[in-house]
N, C-alpha and C. Protein backbone atom coordinates (compact mmCIF):
# COMPACT_ATOMS: atom_id res chain seq x y z
N MET A 1 3.46 35.26 21.83
CA MET A 1 2.89 34.15 22.55
C MET A 1 3.98 33.10 22.79
N THR A 2 4.02 32.55 23.97
CA THR A 2 5.07 31.59 24.31
C THR A 2 4.69 30.20 23.80
N GLU A 3 5.72 29.37 23.73
CA GLU A 3 5.53 27.98 23.32
C GLU A 3 4.58 27.27 24.29
N GLN A 4 4.75 27.51 25.58
CA GLN A 4 3.91 26.86 26.59
C GLN A 4 2.44 27.27 26.43
N GLU A 5 2.19 28.54 26.12
CA GLU A 5 0.81 29.00 25.92
C GLU A 5 0.19 28.32 24.69
N ILE A 6 0.99 28.19 23.66
CA ILE A 6 0.49 27.54 22.44
C ILE A 6 0.16 26.08 22.73
N VAL A 7 1.03 25.39 23.43
CA VAL A 7 0.79 23.98 23.77
C VAL A 7 -0.47 23.85 24.62
N LYS A 8 -0.62 24.71 25.61
CA LYS A 8 -1.82 24.66 26.46
C LYS A 8 -3.09 24.88 25.64
N GLY A 9 -3.04 25.82 24.71
CA GLY A 9 -4.18 26.07 23.84
C GLY A 9 -4.48 24.88 22.94
N CYS A 10 -3.43 24.23 22.45
CA CYS A 10 -3.61 23.04 21.61
C CYS A 10 -4.19 21.88 22.42
N LEU A 11 -3.78 21.79 23.68
CA LEU A 11 -4.34 20.74 24.56
C LEU A 11 -5.85 20.93 24.73
N LYS A 12 -6.30 22.17 24.69
CA LYS A 12 -7.73 22.47 24.81
C LYS A 12 -8.42 22.42 23.44
N LYS A 13 -7.64 22.07 22.40
CA LYS A 13 -8.13 21.96 21.02
C LYS A 13 -8.71 23.27 20.50
N GLU A 14 -8.09 24.37 20.91
CA GLU A 14 -8.52 25.68 20.45
C GLU A 14 -7.83 25.97 19.11
N SER A 15 -8.64 26.21 18.09
CA SER A 15 -8.12 26.35 16.73
C SER A 15 -7.13 27.51 16.58
N ARG A 16 -7.32 28.57 17.33
CA ARG A 16 -6.40 29.71 17.26
C ARG A 16 -4.98 29.29 17.62
N TYR A 17 -4.85 28.48 18.66
CA TYR A 17 -3.53 28.02 19.09
C TYR A 17 -2.96 26.97 18.14
N GLN A 18 -3.83 26.14 17.61
CA GLN A 18 -3.38 25.15 16.63
C GLN A 18 -2.83 25.86 15.39
N GLN A 19 -3.53 26.90 14.98
CA GLN A 19 -3.07 27.67 13.83
C GLN A 19 -1.73 28.34 14.12
N LEU A 20 -1.57 28.87 15.31
CA LEU A 20 -0.29 29.49 15.70
C LEU A 20 0.85 28.47 15.65
N LEU A 21 0.58 27.27 16.12
CA LEU A 21 1.59 26.21 16.09
C LEU A 21 1.98 25.91 14.65
N VAL A 22 0.99 25.77 13.78
CA VAL A 22 1.26 25.46 12.37
C VAL A 22 2.06 26.59 11.72
N VAL A 23 1.63 27.81 11.92
CA VAL A 23 2.31 28.96 11.31
C VAL A 23 3.75 29.08 11.81
N ARG A 24 3.95 28.88 13.09
CA ARG A 24 5.28 29.06 13.67
C ARG A 24 6.26 27.96 13.23
N TYR A 25 5.79 26.73 13.14
CA TYR A 25 6.71 25.61 12.92
C TYR A 25 6.68 24.99 11.52
N SER A 26 5.70 25.35 10.70
CA SER A 26 5.60 24.75 9.36
C SER A 26 6.86 24.89 8.51
N PRO A 27 7.46 26.08 8.42
CA PRO A 27 8.64 26.18 7.55
C PRO A 27 9.76 25.20 7.94
N MET A 28 10.06 25.13 9.23
CA MET A 28 11.12 24.24 9.69
C MET A 28 10.74 22.78 9.47
N LEU A 29 9.50 22.44 9.78
CA LEU A 29 9.07 21.04 9.65
C LEU A 29 8.93 20.64 8.19
N LEU A 30 8.57 21.57 7.32
CA LEU A 30 8.51 21.25 5.89
C LEU A 30 9.91 20.95 5.35
N THR A 31 10.90 21.67 5.84
CA THR A 31 12.29 21.39 5.45
C THR A 31 12.68 19.97 5.87
N VAL A 32 12.30 19.58 7.07
CA VAL A 32 12.58 18.22 7.54
C VAL A 32 11.87 17.22 6.65
N SER A 33 10.60 17.47 6.35
CA SER A 33 9.82 16.56 5.52
C SER A 33 10.44 16.41 4.13
N ARG A 34 10.93 17.51 3.57
CA ARG A 34 11.52 17.47 2.22
C ARG A 34 12.78 16.61 2.17
N ARG A 35 13.46 16.47 3.29
CA ARG A 35 14.65 15.62 3.30
C ARG A 35 14.29 14.16 3.05
N TYR A 36 13.11 13.77 3.43
CA TYR A 36 12.69 12.38 3.31
C TYR A 36 11.69 12.16 2.18
N SER A 37 11.07 13.21 1.71
CA SER A 37 10.09 13.16 0.62
C SER A 37 10.44 14.26 -0.37
N PRO A 38 11.33 14.00 -1.29
CA PRO A 38 11.85 15.08 -2.13
C PRO A 38 10.82 15.74 -3.05
N GLN A 39 9.76 15.07 -3.37
CA GLN A 39 8.75 15.69 -4.22
C GLN A 39 7.87 16.57 -3.34
N ASN A 40 7.66 17.81 -3.77
CA ASN A 40 6.92 18.76 -2.95
C ASN A 40 5.57 18.24 -2.51
N ILE A 41 4.87 17.56 -3.39
CA ILE A 41 3.53 17.06 -3.04
C ILE A 41 3.65 16.06 -1.90
N ASP A 42 4.59 15.14 -2.00
CA ASP A 42 4.78 14.15 -0.94
C ASP A 42 5.17 14.81 0.37
N SER A 43 6.07 15.78 0.32
CA SER A 43 6.54 16.41 1.56
C SER A 43 5.42 17.20 2.22
N GLU A 44 4.57 17.82 1.43
CA GLU A 44 3.43 18.56 2.00
C GLU A 44 2.41 17.59 2.60
N ASP A 45 2.21 16.45 1.94
CA ASP A 45 1.30 15.43 2.48
C ASP A 45 1.84 14.89 3.80
N VAL A 46 3.13 14.64 3.84
CA VAL A 46 3.76 14.15 5.07
C VAL A 46 3.58 15.17 6.19
N LEU A 47 3.81 16.44 5.87
CA LEU A 47 3.68 17.48 6.89
C LEU A 47 2.24 17.56 7.41
N GLN A 48 1.29 17.48 6.51
CA GLN A 48 -0.12 17.52 6.92
C GLN A 48 -0.44 16.34 7.84
N ASP A 49 -0.01 15.14 7.43
CA ASP A 49 -0.24 13.95 8.27
C ASP A 49 0.46 14.09 9.62
N ALA A 50 1.66 14.68 9.60
CA ALA A 50 2.41 14.86 10.85
C ALA A 50 1.70 15.83 11.79
N PHE A 51 1.14 16.90 11.25
CA PHE A 51 0.42 17.84 12.12
C PHE A 51 -0.81 17.18 12.73
N ILE A 52 -1.48 16.33 12.00
CA ILE A 52 -2.61 15.60 12.56
C ILE A 52 -2.13 14.76 13.75
N LYS A 53 -1.01 14.07 13.56
CA LYS A 53 -0.44 13.26 14.64
C LYS A 53 0.01 14.11 15.81
N ILE A 54 0.59 15.27 15.50
CA ILE A 54 1.04 16.18 16.56
C ILE A 54 -0.14 16.62 17.41
N PHE A 55 -1.23 17.02 16.77
CA PHE A 55 -2.39 17.48 17.53
C PHE A 55 -3.05 16.34 18.32
N GLU A 56 -2.99 15.14 17.77
CA GLU A 56 -3.55 13.98 18.49
C GLU A 56 -2.67 13.60 19.68
N ALA A 57 -1.36 13.80 19.55
CA ALA A 57 -0.42 13.34 20.58
C ALA A 57 0.09 14.47 21.48
N ILE A 58 -0.38 15.67 21.31
CA ILE A 58 0.14 16.81 22.07
C ILE A 58 0.04 16.58 23.57
N LYS A 59 -0.93 15.81 24.00
CA LYS A 59 -1.07 15.52 25.44
C LYS A 59 0.10 14.69 25.96
N GLN A 60 0.82 14.02 25.07
CA GLN A 60 1.97 13.21 25.47
C GLN A 60 3.25 14.03 25.55
N TYR A 61 3.23 15.24 24.97
CA TYR A 61 4.42 16.08 25.00
C TYR A 61 4.70 16.53 26.43
N ASP A 62 5.96 16.40 26.83
CA ASP A 62 6.38 16.82 28.17
C ASP A 62 7.60 17.73 28.02
N SER A 63 7.42 19.00 28.32
CA SER A 63 8.51 19.97 28.16
C SER A 63 9.71 19.65 29.05
N LYS A 64 9.50 18.88 30.09
CA LYS A 64 10.61 18.50 30.99
C LYS A 64 11.53 17.47 30.32
N LYS A 65 10.96 16.72 29.37
CA LYS A 65 11.75 15.69 28.70
C LYS A 65 12.46 16.20 27.45
N GLY A 66 12.03 17.35 26.95
CA GLY A 66 12.68 17.87 25.75
C GLY A 66 11.94 19.02 25.12
N ASN A 67 12.55 19.52 24.09
CA ASN A 67 12.09 20.67 23.34
C ASN A 67 10.92 20.28 22.42
N LEU A 68 9.93 21.17 22.30
CA LEU A 68 8.77 20.93 21.43
C LEU A 68 9.20 20.74 19.98
N GLU A 69 10.13 21.56 19.52
CA GLU A 69 10.59 21.48 18.14
C GLU A 69 11.20 20.10 17.85
N VAL A 70 12.02 19.61 18.75
CA VAL A 70 12.65 18.30 18.58
C VAL A 70 11.58 17.20 18.57
N TRP A 71 10.62 17.31 19.46
CA TRP A 71 9.52 16.34 19.55
C TRP A 71 8.74 16.30 18.23
N MET A 72 8.42 17.47 17.69
CA MET A 72 7.67 17.53 16.43
C MET A 72 8.51 17.04 15.26
N ARG A 73 9.81 17.34 15.26
CA ARG A 73 10.69 16.85 14.19
C ARG A 73 10.66 15.32 14.12
N LYS A 74 10.68 14.68 15.28
CA LYS A 74 10.66 13.22 15.31
C LYS A 74 9.35 12.69 14.73
N ILE A 75 8.26 13.37 15.01
CA ILE A 75 6.97 12.94 14.45
C ILE A 75 6.99 13.09 12.94
N VAL A 76 7.53 14.19 12.43
CA VAL A 76 7.62 14.39 10.98
C VAL A 76 8.50 13.32 10.34
N ILE A 77 9.64 13.06 10.95
CA ILE A 77 10.56 12.04 10.41
C ILE A 77 9.89 10.67 10.39
N ASN A 78 9.26 10.29 11.51
CA ASN A 78 8.59 8.99 11.56
C ASN A 78 7.45 8.90 10.56
N THR A 79 6.71 9.98 10.38
CA THR A 79 5.61 9.99 9.41
C THR A 79 6.17 9.81 8.00
N ALA A 80 7.23 10.54 7.68
CA ALA A 80 7.84 10.43 6.36
C ALA A 80 8.39 9.03 6.11
N LEU A 81 9.06 8.47 7.12
CA LEU A 81 9.65 7.14 6.95
C LEU A 81 8.57 6.08 6.76
N LYS A 82 7.48 6.20 7.49
CA LYS A 82 6.38 5.23 7.32
C LYS A 82 5.79 5.32 5.93
N LYS A 83 5.64 6.54 5.43
CA LYS A 83 5.10 6.71 4.08
C LYS A 83 6.07 6.13 3.04
N LEU A 84 7.36 6.40 3.22
CA LEU A 84 8.35 5.89 2.28
C LEU A 84 8.47 4.37 2.35
N ASN A 85 8.35 3.82 3.54
CA ASN A 85 8.46 2.37 3.69
C ASN A 85 7.29 1.64 3.06
N LYS A 86 6.19 2.34 2.82
CA LYS A 86 5.06 1.73 2.13
C LYS A 86 5.36 1.54 0.65
N LYS A 87 6.29 2.37 0.15
CA LYS A 87 6.69 2.25 -1.25
C LYS A 87 7.72 1.12 -1.37
N CYS A 88 7.78 0.54 -2.51
CA CYS A 88 8.75 -0.53 -2.75
C CYS A 88 10.02 0.07 -3.32
N PHE A 89 11.15 -0.29 -2.74
CA PHE A 89 12.43 0.25 -3.20
C PHE A 89 13.05 -0.68 -4.25
N THR A 90 12.35 -0.87 -5.34
CA THR A 90 12.84 -1.78 -6.37
C THR A 90 13.81 -1.10 -7.32
N HIS A 91 13.94 0.22 -7.24
CA HIS A 91 14.78 0.94 -8.20
C HIS A 91 16.19 1.17 -7.70
N GLU A 92 16.53 0.62 -6.54
CA GLU A 92 17.87 0.82 -6.03
C GLU A 92 18.86 -0.01 -6.84
N LYS A 93 19.99 0.58 -7.13
CA LYS A 93 21.00 -0.07 -7.95
C LYS A 93 22.25 -0.30 -7.14
N SER A 94 23.04 -1.26 -7.58
CA SER A 94 24.31 -1.49 -6.92
C SER A 94 25.24 -0.32 -7.21
N VAL A 95 25.96 0.10 -6.18
CA VAL A 95 26.88 1.22 -6.36
C VAL A 95 28.30 0.81 -6.01
N ASP A 96 28.60 -0.46 -6.16
CA ASP A 96 29.94 -0.93 -5.82
C ASP A 96 31.01 -0.21 -6.63
N GLN A 97 30.67 0.23 -7.85
CA GLN A 97 31.66 0.91 -8.68
C GLN A 97 32.03 2.28 -8.15
N PHE A 98 31.31 2.80 -7.16
CA PHE A 98 31.57 4.13 -6.63
C PHE A 98 32.51 4.11 -5.43
N GLN A 99 33.00 2.98 -5.02
CA GLN A 99 33.69 2.85 -3.75
C GLN A 99 34.90 3.76 -3.57
N ASP A 100 35.71 3.98 -4.60
CA ASP A 100 36.96 4.71 -4.39
C ASP A 100 36.96 6.09 -5.04
N VAL A 101 35.82 6.71 -5.14
CA VAL A 101 35.75 8.04 -5.73
C VAL A 101 36.25 9.06 -4.71
N GLN A 102 37.14 9.93 -5.13
CA GLN A 102 37.67 10.97 -4.24
C GLN A 102 37.07 12.31 -4.65
N LEU A 103 36.77 13.14 -3.67
CA LEU A 103 36.15 14.44 -3.91
C LEU A 103 37.21 15.53 -3.94
N GLU A 104 37.15 16.35 -5.00
CA GLU A 104 38.05 17.48 -5.09
C GLU A 104 37.46 18.63 -4.28
N PRO A 105 38.22 19.26 -3.36
CA PRO A 105 37.70 20.29 -2.47
C PRO A 105 37.11 21.51 -3.17
N ILE A 106 37.54 21.83 -4.39
CA ILE A 106 37.05 23.01 -5.11
C ILE A 106 35.54 22.98 -5.27
N VAL A 107 34.95 21.82 -5.38
CA VAL A 107 33.53 21.70 -5.67
C VAL A 107 32.65 22.34 -4.58
N TYR A 108 33.13 22.39 -3.36
CA TYR A 108 32.34 22.95 -2.27
C TYR A 108 32.18 24.46 -2.35
N SER A 109 33.09 25.14 -3.00
CA SER A 109 33.13 26.60 -2.94
C SER A 109 31.90 27.29 -3.49
N HIS A 110 31.17 26.66 -4.38
CA HIS A 110 30.05 27.34 -5.02
C HIS A 110 28.68 26.73 -4.69
N LEU A 111 28.63 25.77 -3.81
CA LEU A 111 27.36 25.12 -3.52
C LEU A 111 26.50 25.93 -2.55
N GLU A 112 25.24 26.06 -2.90
CA GLU A 112 24.24 26.68 -2.04
C GLU A 112 23.48 25.57 -1.32
N GLU A 113 22.75 25.93 -0.27
CA GLU A 113 21.97 24.94 0.49
C GLU A 113 20.99 24.19 -0.41
N GLU A 114 20.32 24.92 -1.30
CA GLU A 114 19.36 24.28 -2.21
C GLU A 114 20.04 23.29 -3.14
N ASP A 115 21.28 23.61 -3.57
CA ASP A 115 22.04 22.70 -4.43
C ASP A 115 22.35 21.40 -3.70
N VAL A 116 22.75 21.55 -2.44
CA VAL A 116 23.08 20.37 -1.63
C VAL A 116 21.83 19.51 -1.42
N MET A 117 20.70 20.15 -1.08
CA MET A 117 19.46 19.41 -0.87
C MET A 117 19.03 18.70 -2.16
N ALA A 118 19.15 19.38 -3.29
CA ALA A 118 18.78 18.77 -4.58
C ALA A 118 19.66 17.56 -4.86
N LEU A 119 20.93 17.68 -4.55
CA LEU A 119 21.86 16.57 -4.76
C LEU A 119 21.52 15.39 -3.86
N ILE A 120 21.24 15.68 -2.59
CA ILE A 120 20.86 14.62 -1.65
C ILE A 120 19.57 13.94 -2.11
N ASN A 121 18.65 14.71 -2.65
CA ASN A 121 17.37 14.16 -3.10
C ASN A 121 17.50 13.26 -4.32
N THR A 122 18.65 13.25 -4.98
CA THR A 122 18.85 12.34 -6.11
C THR A 122 19.26 10.94 -5.65
N LEU A 123 19.60 10.82 -4.37
CA LEU A 123 19.99 9.50 -3.85
C LEU A 123 18.80 8.55 -3.87
N PRO A 124 19.05 7.26 -4.06
CA PRO A 124 17.96 6.28 -3.92
C PRO A 124 17.34 6.39 -2.52
N ASP A 125 16.07 6.10 -2.40
CA ASP A 125 15.33 6.33 -1.15
C ASP A 125 16.02 5.78 0.09
N GLY A 126 16.44 4.53 0.07
CA GLY A 126 17.06 3.92 1.25
C GLY A 126 18.33 4.63 1.67
N TYR A 127 19.17 4.98 0.70
CA TYR A 127 20.41 5.68 1.00
C TYR A 127 20.11 7.08 1.52
N ARG A 128 19.14 7.75 0.90
CA ARG A 128 18.78 9.11 1.33
C ARG A 128 18.26 9.11 2.76
N GLN A 129 17.45 8.12 3.10
CA GLN A 129 16.93 8.02 4.46
C GLN A 129 18.07 7.92 5.47
N VAL A 130 18.97 7.00 5.23
CA VAL A 130 20.08 6.78 6.16
C VAL A 130 20.98 8.02 6.21
N PHE A 131 21.27 8.60 5.05
CA PHE A 131 22.12 9.79 5.01
C PHE A 131 21.50 10.92 5.84
N ASN A 132 20.22 11.21 5.61
CA ASN A 132 19.55 12.28 6.34
C ASN A 132 19.50 12.00 7.84
N LEU A 133 19.14 10.78 8.20
CA LEU A 133 19.03 10.45 9.62
C LEU A 133 20.37 10.56 10.32
N ASN A 134 21.44 10.11 9.67
CA ASN A 134 22.75 10.12 10.31
C ASN A 134 23.43 11.49 10.22
N VAL A 135 23.55 12.03 9.04
CA VAL A 135 24.33 13.24 8.83
C VAL A 135 23.58 14.49 9.27
N ILE A 136 22.31 14.57 8.96
CA ILE A 136 21.56 15.79 9.25
C ILE A 136 20.87 15.74 10.61
N GLU A 137 20.26 14.60 10.93
CA GLU A 137 19.52 14.50 12.20
C GLU A 137 20.35 13.93 13.34
N ALA A 138 21.55 13.44 13.05
CA ALA A 138 22.50 12.92 14.04
C ALA A 138 22.00 11.67 14.78
N TYR A 139 21.24 10.83 14.09
CA TYR A 139 20.83 9.56 14.68
C TYR A 139 22.01 8.59 14.57
N SER A 140 22.13 7.70 15.54
CA SER A 140 23.18 6.68 15.48
C SER A 140 22.72 5.57 14.54
N HIS A 141 23.66 4.73 14.13
CA HIS A 141 23.31 3.62 13.24
C HIS A 141 22.37 2.64 13.94
N LYS A 142 22.53 2.51 15.24
CA LYS A 142 21.63 1.65 16.02
C LYS A 142 20.20 2.20 15.97
N GLU A 143 20.05 3.51 16.17
CA GLU A 143 18.73 4.14 16.12
C GLU A 143 18.13 4.04 14.72
N ILE A 144 18.96 4.25 13.71
CA ILE A 144 18.50 4.16 12.32
C ILE A 144 18.02 2.74 12.03
N GLY A 145 18.78 1.77 12.49
CA GLY A 145 18.39 0.38 12.29
C GLY A 145 17.01 0.09 12.86
N LYS A 146 16.76 0.57 14.06
CA LYS A 146 15.44 0.36 14.68
C LYS A 146 14.34 1.08 13.92
N LEU A 147 14.61 2.32 13.52
CA LEU A 147 13.60 3.11 12.80
C LEU A 147 13.23 2.49 11.46
N LEU A 148 14.24 2.01 10.75
CA LEU A 148 14.03 1.51 9.39
C LEU A 148 13.86 0.00 9.31
N GLY A 149 14.07 -0.67 10.43
CA GLY A 149 13.95 -2.12 10.43
C GLY A 149 15.07 -2.80 9.66
N ILE A 150 16.28 -2.25 9.79
CA ILE A 150 17.45 -2.82 9.12
C ILE A 150 18.55 -3.05 10.15
N LYS A 151 19.58 -3.79 9.76
CA LYS A 151 20.71 -4.03 10.66
C LYS A 151 21.57 -2.78 10.73
N GLU A 152 22.28 -2.65 11.85
CA GLU A 152 23.22 -1.54 12.02
C GLU A 152 24.25 -1.54 10.90
N SER A 153 24.72 -2.69 10.52
CA SER A 153 25.72 -2.79 9.46
C SER A 153 25.15 -2.34 8.12
N THR A 154 23.88 -2.60 7.89
CA THR A 154 23.23 -2.15 6.66
C THR A 154 23.16 -0.62 6.65
N SER A 155 22.87 -0.05 7.80
CA SER A 155 22.83 1.41 7.92
C SER A 155 24.20 2.00 7.58
N ARG A 156 25.24 1.42 8.15
CA ARG A 156 26.60 1.91 7.87
C ARG A 156 26.94 1.78 6.39
N SER A 157 26.59 0.64 5.83
CA SER A 157 26.87 0.39 4.42
C SER A 157 26.11 1.38 3.53
N ASN A 158 24.83 1.60 3.84
CA ASN A 158 24.03 2.53 3.04
C ASN A 158 24.57 3.96 3.14
N LEU A 159 25.05 4.35 4.33
CA LEU A 159 25.62 5.67 4.49
C LEU A 159 26.90 5.80 3.66
N SER A 160 27.72 4.79 3.70
CA SER A 160 28.96 4.81 2.92
C SER A 160 28.66 4.90 1.42
N LYS A 161 27.69 4.13 0.97
CA LYS A 161 27.31 4.16 -0.44
C LYS A 161 26.70 5.51 -0.82
N ALA A 162 25.89 6.07 0.06
CA ALA A 162 25.30 7.38 -0.20
C ALA A 162 26.40 8.44 -0.35
N LYS A 163 27.36 8.41 0.54
CA LYS A 163 28.46 9.37 0.48
C LYS A 163 29.27 9.21 -0.81
N ASN A 164 29.48 7.96 -1.20
CA ASN A 164 30.23 7.71 -2.43
C ASN A 164 29.47 8.20 -3.66
N ILE A 165 28.16 8.00 -3.67
CA ILE A 165 27.35 8.49 -4.79
C ILE A 165 27.44 10.02 -4.84
N LEU A 166 27.32 10.66 -3.69
CA LEU A 166 27.40 12.12 -3.65
C LEU A 166 28.78 12.60 -4.11
N ARG A 167 29.82 11.94 -3.68
CA ARG A 167 31.17 12.31 -4.13
C ARG A 167 31.29 12.22 -5.64
N MET A 168 30.78 11.11 -6.20
CA MET A 168 30.86 10.91 -7.64
C MET A 168 30.09 12.01 -8.37
N LYS A 169 28.90 12.32 -7.90
CA LYS A 169 28.08 13.35 -8.56
C LYS A 169 28.74 14.73 -8.44
N LEU A 170 29.33 15.02 -7.29
CA LEU A 170 30.02 16.30 -7.13
C LEU A 170 31.24 16.38 -8.03
N ASN A 171 31.98 15.29 -8.14
CA ASN A 171 33.14 15.28 -9.03
C ASN A 171 32.72 15.46 -10.47
N ASN A 172 31.65 14.80 -10.88
CA ASN A 172 31.14 14.96 -12.25
C ASN A 172 30.69 16.39 -12.50
N GLN A 173 30.03 16.97 -11.53
CA GLN A 173 29.57 18.36 -11.64
C GLN A 173 30.77 19.30 -11.78
N GLU A 174 31.80 19.07 -10.99
CA GLU A 174 33.00 19.89 -11.04
C GLU A 174 33.67 19.77 -12.41
N LYS A 175 33.73 18.58 -12.94
CA LYS A 175 34.36 18.38 -14.25
C LYS A 175 33.56 19.09 -15.34
N GLN A 176 32.22 19.01 -15.27
CA GLN A 176 31.38 19.69 -16.26
C GLN A 176 31.57 21.20 -16.19
N GLU A 177 31.65 21.74 -14.98
CA GLU A 177 31.85 23.19 -14.83
C GLU A 177 33.24 23.61 -15.33
N LEU A 178 34.23 22.77 -15.11
CA LEU A 178 35.58 23.07 -15.58
C LEU A 178 35.59 23.11 -17.11
N TRP A 179 34.97 22.13 -17.74
CA TRP A 179 34.91 22.09 -19.21
C TRP A 179 34.13 23.28 -19.75
N ALA A 180 33.09 23.70 -19.04
CA ALA A 180 32.31 24.86 -19.48
C ALA A 180 33.15 26.14 -19.42
N ARG A 181 34.02 26.25 -18.40
CA ARG A 181 34.88 27.43 -18.29
C ARG A 181 35.96 27.44 -19.35
N ILE A 182 36.47 26.24 -19.67
CA ILE A 182 37.56 26.13 -20.67
C ILE A 182 37.02 26.33 -22.08
N GLY A 183 35.89 25.66 -22.36
CA GLY A 183 35.40 25.64 -23.74
C GLY A 183 34.41 26.67 -23.97
């Protein structure tokens, strides 16, 4: 079944086509949701809320303006960000001490995708949001600022701090693995 046929069926609110849309795109969209909601329960809730929004807004989708997958990804991202913005980010800590951490290239050789995602999910919420939007979704700092209601400079600063935290954690992981091999 083609994407256009599925969209047409969803426009008619036919459950068979809605189910096809969910089955076809859930794995990819759940991965997107997990980037912004690291706890499985939260990411599944975000995905469910996003599908409700997708079905409500499907009439606004225009294949001439872009790809269905990209359109749905934006809905998932916006849904996740709205949910996260409802939470208070009181647990964020200053990371000024991480500014000059250098990453040793050896650490990359053994990382799997799940390891990288787990590491990214350890970032404080605000830093993780900016990191995911910029590095993974390729949003500009201007776009991130609008989405999150922050200044462009804050977006840049949060990305820099996120990268420094990740560098520090990767260096610590590399040192622990080195000591495990030696001892």
